[in-house]
Amino acid sequence: MEFSTKERYGVEDLRALVAFLRAPGGCSWDAAQTHQSIRRNLIEETYEVCDAIDQEDAPHLQEELGDLLLQVVMHAAMEEERGGFTFDDVADGICKKLVERHPHLFGGEKKDWEEIKREKGGVTSAAAHAAAVPRCLPALMRAKKVQKRLGLAMFSSKSPENAVCALKSAVERLDKGGQNCDNVKEELGDVLFAAVAVGRQSGIDCEELLAETCDRYIQADSEREAGQ
């Protein structure tokens, strides 16, 4: 297998280059990688893309999107090598999903996207729908999705006030937990879960909010030290 360099490349060139690197006589490191071995790379590259977005740095974003695209191509190549799906299958799948997600544009019956996912996955209960939320998501993000899918009365209300009441109740139980570590752990979990509901009902992303709060505390401490 050969790969010829050129002035400008496209997606097909990237696919060909990855295949070249993983083929016999290519790069031993690339050839040795598996889905699991580069799983963390995918996560890290995703966060680096998000950082470039937050910095509003277009050239950096372009670079990081390339790194992320490489991860997608690598995973697809691994499957293709063993007779599984291909990169084109991935593209086909997401195109079909987008068509399903916009039935009002493609002559279909207008449905809520969550309803479409439940029907397609054969989900028969709210608990099963919530259990399908990936466990590897950041916990605050996962809690937000789980609450929405479970539809629990205390968390599904459109009123932020009801969510605040649930949070206050959870804080009171935490306060009564005393020194029992197990009790404190459980009640603190309920506090966090309820806090996510407050944010969700108020249109606030708690994952982003906590990141911003960390930055605020760092900045405040930096200013305190500078003033000493």
C-alpha atoms as a PDB file:
ATOM      1  CA  MET A   1       0.000   0.000   0.000  1.00  0.00           C
ATOM      2  CA  GLU A   2       1.252   3.477  -0.892  1.00  0.00           C
ATOM      3  CA  PHE A   3       0.267   7.038  -0.077  1.00  0.00           C
ATOM      4  CA  SER A   4       1.305  10.004  -2.197  1.00  0.00           C
ATOM      5  CA  THR A   5       1.765  13.433  -0.670  1.00  0.00           C
ATOM      6  CA  LYS A   6       0.069  16.443  -2.305  1.00  0.00           C
ATOM      7  CA  GLU A   7      -0.553  20.157  -1.804  1.00  0.00           C
ATOM      8  CA  ARG A   8      -4.083  19.772  -0.426  1.00  0.00           C
ATOM      9  CA  TYR A   9      -5.976  16.816   1.018  1.00  0.00           C
ATOM     10  CA  GLY A  10      -9.625  15.879   1.549  1.00  0.00           C
ATOM     11  CA  VAL A  11     -11.559  13.412   3.665  1.00  0.00           C
ATOM     12  CA  GLU A  12     -10.847  10.531   1.289  1.00  0.00           C
ATOM     13  CA  ASP A  13      -7.135  11.297   1.568  1.00  0.00           C
ATOM     14  CA  LEU A  14      -7.397  11.117   5.350  1.00  0.00           C
ATOM     15  CA  ARG A  15      -9.069   7.725   5.114  1.00  0.00           C
ATOM     16  CA  ALA A  16      -6.375   6.508   2.716  1.00  0.00           C
ATOM     17  CA  LEU A  17      -3.602   7.839   4.968  1.00  0.00           C
ATOM     18  CA  VAL A  18      -5.008   6.100   8.049  1.00  0.00           C
ATOM     19  CA  ALA A  19      -5.282   2.859   6.080  1.00  0.00           C
ATOM     20  CA  PHE A  20      -1.664   3.305   4.926  1.00  0.00           C
ATOM     21  CA  LEU A  21      -0.420   3.930   8.478  1.00  0.00           C
ATOM     22  CA  ARG A  22      -2.210   0.851   9.826  1.00  0.00           C
ATOM     23  CA  ALA A  23      -1.199  -1.453   6.959  1.00  0.00           C
ATOM     24  CA  PRO A  24       1.831  -3.779   7.085  1.00  0.00           C
ATOM     25  CA  GLY A  25       4.942  -1.700   6.592  1.00  0.00           C
ATOM     26  CA  GLY A  26       3.214   1.411   7.908  1.00  0.00           C
ATOM     27  CA  CYS A  27       3.420   2.821  11.427  1.00  0.00           C
ATOM     28  CA  SER A  28       3.698   0.197  14.162  1.00  0.00           C
ATOM     29  CA  TRP A  29       2.048   2.478  16.739  1.00  0.00           C
ATOM     30  CA  ASP A  30      -0.992   3.251  14.568  1.00  0.00           C
ATOM     31  CA  ALA A  31      -1.335  -0.407  13.596  1.00  0.00           C
ATOM     32  CA  ALA A  32      -1.359  -1.505  17.232  1.00  0.00           C
ATOM     33  CA  GLN A  33      -4.206   0.757  18.317  1.00  0.00           C
ATOM     34  CA  THR A  34      -7.676  -0.549  19.227  1.00  0.00           C
ATOM     35  CA  HIS A  35     -11.002   1.074  20.074  1.00  0.00           C
ATOM     36  CA  GLN A  36     -10.159   0.836  23.757  1.00  0.00           C
ATOM     37  CA  SER A  37      -6.556   2.027  23.508  1.00  0.00           C
ATOM     38  CA  ILE A  38      -7.535   5.342  21.889  1.00  0.00           C
ATOM     39  CA  ARG A  39     -10.819   5.790  23.750  1.00  0.00           C
ATOM     40  CA  ARG A  40      -9.279   8.427  26.021  1.00  0.00           C
ATOM     41  CA  ASN A  41      -7.838  10.241  22.996  1.00  0.00           C
ATOM     42  CA  LEU A  42     -11.371  10.696  21.668  1.00  0.00           C
ATOM     43  CA  ILE A  43     -12.476  12.259  24.947  1.00  0.00           C
ATOM     44  CA  GLU A  44      -9.443  14.537  25.169  1.00  0.00           C
ATOM     45  CA  GLU A  45      -9.778  15.718  21.575  1.00  0.00           C
ATOM     46  CA  THR A  46     -13.457  16.490  22.149  1.00  0.00           C
ATOM     47  CA  TYR A  47     -12.617  18.687  25.125  1.00  0.00           C
ATOM     48  CA  GLU A  48      -9.881  20.426  23.149  1.00  0.00           C
ATOM     49  CA  VAL A  49     -12.448  21.245  20.464  1.00  0.00           C
ATOM     50  CA  CYS A  50     -14.702  22.691  23.165  1.00  0.00           C
ATOM     51  CA  ASP A  51     -11.802  24.746  24.533  1.00  0.00           C
ATOM     52  CA  ALA A  52     -11.121  26.192  21.076  1.00  0.00           C
ATOM     53  CA  ILE A  53     -14.815  27.109  20.799  1.00  0.00           C
ATOM     54  CA  ASP A  54     -14.732  28.786  24.208  1.00  0.00           C
ATOM     55  CA  GLN A  55     -11.602  30.725  23.208  1.00  0.00           C
ATOM     56  CA  GLU A  56     -13.301  31.773  19.942  1.00  0.00           C
ATOM     57  CA  ASP A  57     -10.091  30.805  18.184  1.00  0.00           C
ATOM     58  CA  ALA A  58     -11.042  29.737  14.633  1.00  0.00           C
ATOM     59  CA  PRO A  59      -7.574  28.542  13.505  1.00  0.00           C
ATOM     60  CA  HIS A  60      -7.237  26.488  16.679  1.00  0.00           C
ATOM     61  CA  LEU A  61     -10.759  25.144  16.209  1.00  0.00           C
ATOM     62  CA  GLN A  62      -9.886  24.042  12.680  1.00  0.00           C
ATOM     63  CA  GLU A  63      -6.854  22.149  13.987  1.00  0.00           C
ATOM     64  CA  GLU A  64      -8.738  20.511  16.846  1.00  0.00           C
ATOM     65  CA  LEU A  65     -11.631  19.478  14.601  1.00  0.00           C
ATOM     66  CA  GLY A  66      -9.036  17.738  12.452  1.00  0.00           C
ATOM     67  CA  ASP A  67      -7.706  15.868  15.481  1.00  0.00           C
ATOM     68  CA  LEU A  68     -11.242  14.848  16.384  1.00  0.00           C
ATOM     69  CA  LEU A  69     -12.000  13.766  12.809  1.00  0.00           C
ATOM     70  CA  LEU A  70      -8.887  11.585  12.899  1.00  0.00           C
ATOM     71  CA  GLN A  71     -10.356   9.718  15.873  1.00  0.00           C
ATOM     72  CA  VAL A  72     -13.585   9.058  13.965  1.00  0.00           C
ATOM     73  CA  VAL A  73     -11.684   7.843  10.900  1.00  0.00           C
ATOM     74  CA  MET A  74      -9.439   5.630  13.048  1.00  0.00           C
ATOM     75  CA  HIS A  75     -12.374   3.912  14.765  1.00  0.00           C
ATOM     76  CA  ALA A  76     -14.158   3.393  11.443  1.00  0.00           C
ATOM     77  CA  ALA A  77     -10.974   1.995   9.889  1.00  0.00           C
ATOM     78  CA  MET A  78     -10.600  -0.522  12.711  1.00  0.00           C
ATOM     79  CA  GLU A  79     -14.106  -1.810  12.079  1.00  0.00           C
ATOM     80  CA  GLU A  80     -13.650  -1.922   8.323  1.00  0.00           C
ATOM     81  CA  GLU A  81     -10.463  -3.970   8.741  1.00  0.00           C
ATOM     82  CA  ARG A  82     -12.364  -6.692  10.553  1.00  0.00           C
ATOM     83  CA  GLY A  83     -15.357  -6.686   8.238  1.00  0.00           C
ATOM     84  CA  GLY A  84     -17.581  -4.453  10.336  1.00  0.00           C
ATOM     85  CA  PHE A  85     -18.982  -1.073   9.379  1.00  0.00           C
ATOM     86  CA  THR A  86     -17.174   1.487   7.234  1.00  0.00           C
ATOM     87  CA  PHE A  87     -16.764   5.266   7.351  1.00  0.00           C
ATOM     88  CA  ASP A  88     -19.431   5.488   4.654  1.00  0.00           C
ATOM     89  CA  ASP A  89     -21.762   3.463   6.877  1.00  0.00           C
ATOM     90  CA  VAL A  90     -21.172   6.022   9.630  1.00  0.00           C
ATOM     91  CA  ALA A  91     -22.008   8.863   7.234  1.00  0.00           C
ATOM     92  CA  ASP A  92     -25.063   6.972   5.980  1.00  0.00           C
ATOM     93  CA  GLY A  93     -26.290   6.416   9.523  1.00  0.00           C
ATOM     94  CA  ILE A  94     -26.017  10.043  10.614  1.00  0.00           C
ATOM     95  CA  CYS A  95     -27.681  11.270   7.395  1.00  0.00           C
ATOM     96  CA  LYS A  96     -30.617   8.927   7.986  1.00  0.00           C
ATOM     97  CA  LYS A  97     -30.808  10.059  11.604  1.00  0.00           C
ATOM     98  CA  LEU A  98     -30.931  13.712  10.546  1.00  0.00           C
ATOM     99  CA  VAL A  99     -33.732  12.944   8.082  1.00  0.00           C
ATOM    100  CA  GLU A 100     -35.654  11.166  10.857  1.00  0.00           C
ATOM    101  CA  ARG A 101     -34.995  14.070  13.195  1.00  0.00           C
ATOM    102  CA  HIS A 102     -36.544  16.545  10.722  1.00  0.00           C
ATOM    103  CA  PRO A 103     -39.695  14.778   9.466  1.00  0.00           C
ATOM    104  CA  HIS A 104     -41.395  18.138   8.840  1.00  0.00           C
ATOM    105  CA  LEU A 105     -38.806  18.803   6.104  1.00  0.00           C
ATOM    106  CA  PHE A 106     -38.934  15.361   4.501  1.00  0.00           C
ATOM    107  CA  GLY A 107     -42.650  14.568   4.344  1.00  0.00           C
ATOM    108  CA  GLY A 108     -42.889  12.540   7.527  1.00  0.00           C
ATOM    109  CA  GLU A 109     -45.063  12.761  10.637  1.00  0.00           C
ATOM    110  CA  LYS A 110     -43.871  15.416  13.042  1.00  0.00           C
ATOM    111  CA  LYS A 111     -42.733  13.799  16.311  1.00  0.00           C
ATOM    112  CA  ASP A 112     -40.660  14.719  19.333  1.00  0.00           C
ATOM    113  CA  TRP A 113     -37.068  13.502  18.896  1.00  0.00           C
ATOM    114  CA  GLU A 114     -37.130  11.682  22.229  1.00  0.00           C
ATOM    115  CA  GLU A 115     -40.257   9.844  21.073  1.00  0.00           C
ATOM    116  CA  ILE A 116     -38.515   8.849  17.840  1.00  0.00           C
ATOM    117  CA  LYS A 117     -35.540   7.477  19.782  1.00  0.00           C
ATOM    118  CA  ARG A 118     -37.785   5.483  22.106  1.00  0.00           C
ATOM    119  CA  GLU A 119     -39.662   3.929  19.198  1.00  0.00           C
ATOM    120  CA  LYS A 120     -36.506   3.121  17.261  1.00  0.00           C
ATOM    121  CA  GLY A 121     -34.836   1.556  20.297  1.00  0.00           C
ATOM    122  CA  GLY A 122     -37.896  -0.423  21.299  1.00  0.00           C
ATOM    123  CA  VAL A 123     -37.958   1.297  24.687  1.00  0.00           C
ATOM    124  CA  THR A 124     -41.095   0.421  26.626  1.00  0.00           C
ATOM    125  CA  SER A 125     -40.563   2.289  29.913  1.00  0.00           C
ATOM    126  CA  ALA A 126     -39.162   5.563  31.223  1.00  0.00           C
ATOM    127  CA  ALA A 127     -36.664   3.642  33.359  1.00  0.00           C
ATOM    128  CA  ALA A 128     -35.317   1.773  30.327  1.00  0.00           C
ATOM    129  CA  HIS A 129     -35.105   5.040  28.404  1.00  0.00           C
ATOM    130  CA  ALA A 130     -33.148   6.643  31.262  1.00  0.00           C
ATOM    131  CA  ALA A 131     -30.876   3.615  31.610  1.00  0.00           C
ATOM    132  CA  ALA A 132     -29.863   4.113  27.975  1.00  0.00           C
ATOM    133  CA  VAL A 133     -28.146   7.395  28.852  1.00  0.00           C
ATOM    134  CA  PRO A 134     -24.390   6.605  28.657  1.00  0.00           C
ATOM    135  CA  ARG A 135     -22.824   6.158  32.096  1.00  0.00           C
ATOM    136  CA  CYS A 136     -19.551   7.660  30.834  1.00  0.00           C
ATOM    137  CA  LEU A 137     -21.116  11.106  30.396  1.00  0.00           C
ATOM    138  CA  PRO A 138     -20.044  13.779  32.904  1.00  0.00           C
ATOM    139  CA  ALA A 139     -22.295  13.182  35.920  1.00  0.00           C
ATOM    140  CA  LEU A 140     -24.098  16.535  35.832  1.00  0.00           C
ATOM    141  CA  MET A 141     -24.838  16.117  32.128  1.00  0.00           C
ATOM    142  CA  ARG A 142     -26.046  12.562  32.695  1.00  0.00           C
ATOM    143  CA  ALA A 143     -28.294  13.666  35.575  1.00  0.00           C
ATOM    144  CA  LYS A 144     -29.946  16.248  33.327  1.00  0.00           C
ATOM    145  CA  LYS A 145     -30.723  13.646  30.667  1.00  0.00           C
ATOM    146  CA  VAL A 146     -31.871  11.046  33.211  1.00  0.00           C
ATOM    147  CA  GLN A 147     -34.276  13.515  34.836  1.00  0.00           C
ATOM    148  CA  LYS A 148     -35.798  14.399  31.489  1.00  0.00           C
ATOM    149  CA  ARG A 149     -36.269  10.761  30.511  1.00  0.00           C
ATOM    150  CA  LEU A 150     -37.589   9.575  33.875  1.00  0.00           C
ATOM    151  CA  GLY A 151     -40.172  12.343  34.013  1.00  0.00           C
ATOM    152  CA  LEU A 152     -40.210  12.287  37.830  1.00  0.00           C
ATOM    153  CA  ALA A 153     -42.876  14.645  39.147  1.00  0.00           C
ATOM    154  CA  MET A 154     -40.515  16.610  41.377  1.00  0.00           C
ATOM    155  CA  PHE A 155     -38.045  17.146  38.534  1.00  0.00           C
ATOM    156  CA  SER A 156     -40.242  17.269  35.424  1.00  0.00           C
ATOM    157  CA  SER A 157     -42.326  20.279  36.422  1.00  0.00           C
ATOM    158  CA  LYS A 158     -41.791  23.351  34.270  1.00  0.00           C
ATOM    159  CA  SER A 159     -41.696  25.474  37.411  1.00  0.00           C
ATOM    160  CA  PRO A 160     -38.215  26.273  38.798  1.00  0.00           C
ATOM    161  CA  GLU A 161     -39.892  26.931  42.154  1.00  0.00           C
ATOM    162  CA  ASN A 162     -40.877  23.265  42.498  1.00  0.00           C
ATOM    163  CA  ALA A 163     -37.322  22.213  41.723  1.00  0.00           C
ATOM    164  CA  VAL A 164     -36.024  24.649  44.336  1.00  0.00           C
ATOM    165  CA  CYS A 165     -38.381  23.092  46.907  1.00  0.00           C
ATOM    166  CA  ALA A 166     -36.997  19.653  46.072  1.00  0.00           C
ATOM    167  CA  LEU A 167     -33.471  21.031  46.506  1.00  0.00           C
ATOM    168  CA  LYS A 168     -34.328  22.565  49.887  1.00  0.00           C
ATOM    169  CA  SER A 169     -35.797  19.256  51.024  1.00  0.00           C
ATOM    170  CA  ALA A 170     -32.637  17.417  49.942  1.00  0.00           C
ATOM    171  CA  VAL A 171     -30.439  19.937  51.796  1.00  0.00           C
ATOM    172  CA  GLU A 172     -32.528  19.475  54.962  1.00  0.00           C
ATOM    173  CA  ARG A 173     -32.074  15.699  54.760  1.00  0.00           C
ATOM    174  CA  LEU A 174     -28.350  16.195  54.245  1.00  0.00           C
ATOM    175  CA  ASP A 175     -28.221  18.424  57.322  1.00  0.00           C
ATOM    176  CA  LYS A 176     -29.892  15.672  59.367  1.00  0.00           C
ATOM    177  CA  GLY A 177     -27.489  13.038  58.044  1.00  0.00           C
ATOM    178  CA  GLY A 178     -25.128  13.708  60.910  1.00  0.00           C
ATOM    179  CA  GLN A 179     -21.803  11.915  60.960  1.00  0.00           C
ATOM    180  CA  ASN A 180     -23.018   8.771  59.199  1.00  0.00           C
ATOM    181  CA  CYS A 181     -20.881   8.681  56.062  1.00  0.00           C
ATOM    182  CA  ASP A 182     -23.331   6.502  54.122  1.00  0.00           C
ATOM    183  CA  ASN A 183     -26.226   8.822  54.923  1.00  0.00           C
ATOM    184  CA  VAL A 184     -24.239  11.903  53.999  1.00  0.00           C
ATOM    185  CA  LYS A 185     -23.150  10.302  50.732  1.00  0.00           C
ATOM    186  CA  GLU A 186     -26.695   9.406  49.717  1.00  0.00           C
ATOM    187  CA  GLU A 187     -28.219  12.720  50.749  1.00  0.00           C
ATOM    188  CA  LEU A 188     -25.433  14.711  49.098  1.00  0.00           C
ATOM    189  CA  GLY A 189     -26.135  12.793  45.893  1.00  0.00           C
ATOM    190  CA  ASP A 190     -29.792  13.832  46.168  1.00  0.00           C
ATOM    191  CA  VAL A 191     -28.711  17.455  46.672  1.00  0.00           C
ATOM    192  CA  LEU A 192     -26.623  17.377  43.510  1.00  0.00           C
ATOM    193  CA  PHE A 193     -29.398  15.677  41.568  1.00  0.00           C
ATOM    194  CA  ALA A 194     -31.921  18.257  42.770  1.00  0.00           C
ATOM    195  CA  ALA A 195     -29.533  21.118  41.973  1.00  0.00           C
ATOM    196  CA  VAL A 196     -29.337  19.863  38.382  1.00  0.00           C
ATOM    197  CA  ALA A 197     -33.140  20.007  38.234  1.00  0.00           C
ATOM    198  CA  VAL A 198     -33.099  23.639  39.377  1.00  0.00           C
ATOM    199  CA  GLY A 199     -30.648  24.460  36.638  1.00  0.00           C
ATOM    200  CA  ARG A 200     -32.573  22.504  33.997  1.00  0.00           C
ATOM    201  CA  GLN A 201     -35.878  24.186  34.854  1.00  0.00           C
ATOM    202  CA  SER A 202     -34.143  27.578  34.836  1.00  0.00           C
ATOM    203  CA  GLY A 203     -32.488  26.992  31.471  1.00  0.00           C
ATOM    204  CA  ILE A 204     -29.016  26.730  33.037  1.00  0.00           C
ATOM    205  CA  ASP A 205     -26.499  24.028  32.106  1.00  0.00           C
ATOM    206  CA  CYS A 206     -25.034  22.918  35.442  1.00  0.00           C
ATOM    207  CA  GLU A 207     -21.981  21.356  33.785  1.00  0.00           C
ATOM    208  CA  GLU A 208     -21.042  24.696  32.250  1.00  0.00           C
ATOM    209  CA  LEU A 209     -22.111  26.611  35.349  1.00  0.00           C
ATOM    210  CA  LEU A 210     -19.836  24.592  37.647  1.00  0.00           C
ATOM    211  CA  ALA A 211     -16.909  25.134  35.264  1.00  0.00           C
ATOM    212  CA  GLU A 212     -17.592  28.878  35.307  1.00  0.00           C
ATOM    213  CA  THR A 213     -17.867  28.821  39.102  1.00  0.00           C
ATOM    214  CA  CYS A 214     -14.468  27.120  39.374  1.00  0.00           C
ATOM    215  CA  ASP A 215     -13.005  29.878  37.205  1.00  0.00           C
ATOM    216  CA  ARG A 216     -14.671  32.501  39.386  1.00  0.00           C
ATOM    217  CA  TYR A 217     -13.161  31.079  42.579  1.00  0.00           C
ATOM    218  CA  ILE A 218      -9.725  30.823  40.963  1.00  0.00           C
ATOM    219  CA  GLN A 219      -9.959  34.428  39.788  1.00  0.00           C
ATOM    220  CA  ALA A 220     -11.132  35.622  43.209  1.00  0.00           C
ATOM    221  CA  ASP A 221      -8.252  33.848  44.975  1.00  0.00           C
ATOM    222  CA  SER A 222      -5.787  35.223  42.443  1.00  0.00           C
ATOM    223  CA  GLU A 223      -7.063  38.738  43.102  1.00  0.00           C
ATOM    224  CA  ARG A 224      -6.869  38.142  46.864  1.00  0.00           C
ATOM    225  CA  GLU A 225      -3.245  37.039  46.608  1.00  0.00           C
ATOM    226  CA  ALA A 226      -2.401  40.002  44.393  1.00  0.00           C
ATOM    227  CA  GLY A 227      -3.907  42.345  46.977  1.00  0.00           C
ATOM    228  CA  GLN A 228      -1.873  40.988  49.873  1.00  0.00           C
END
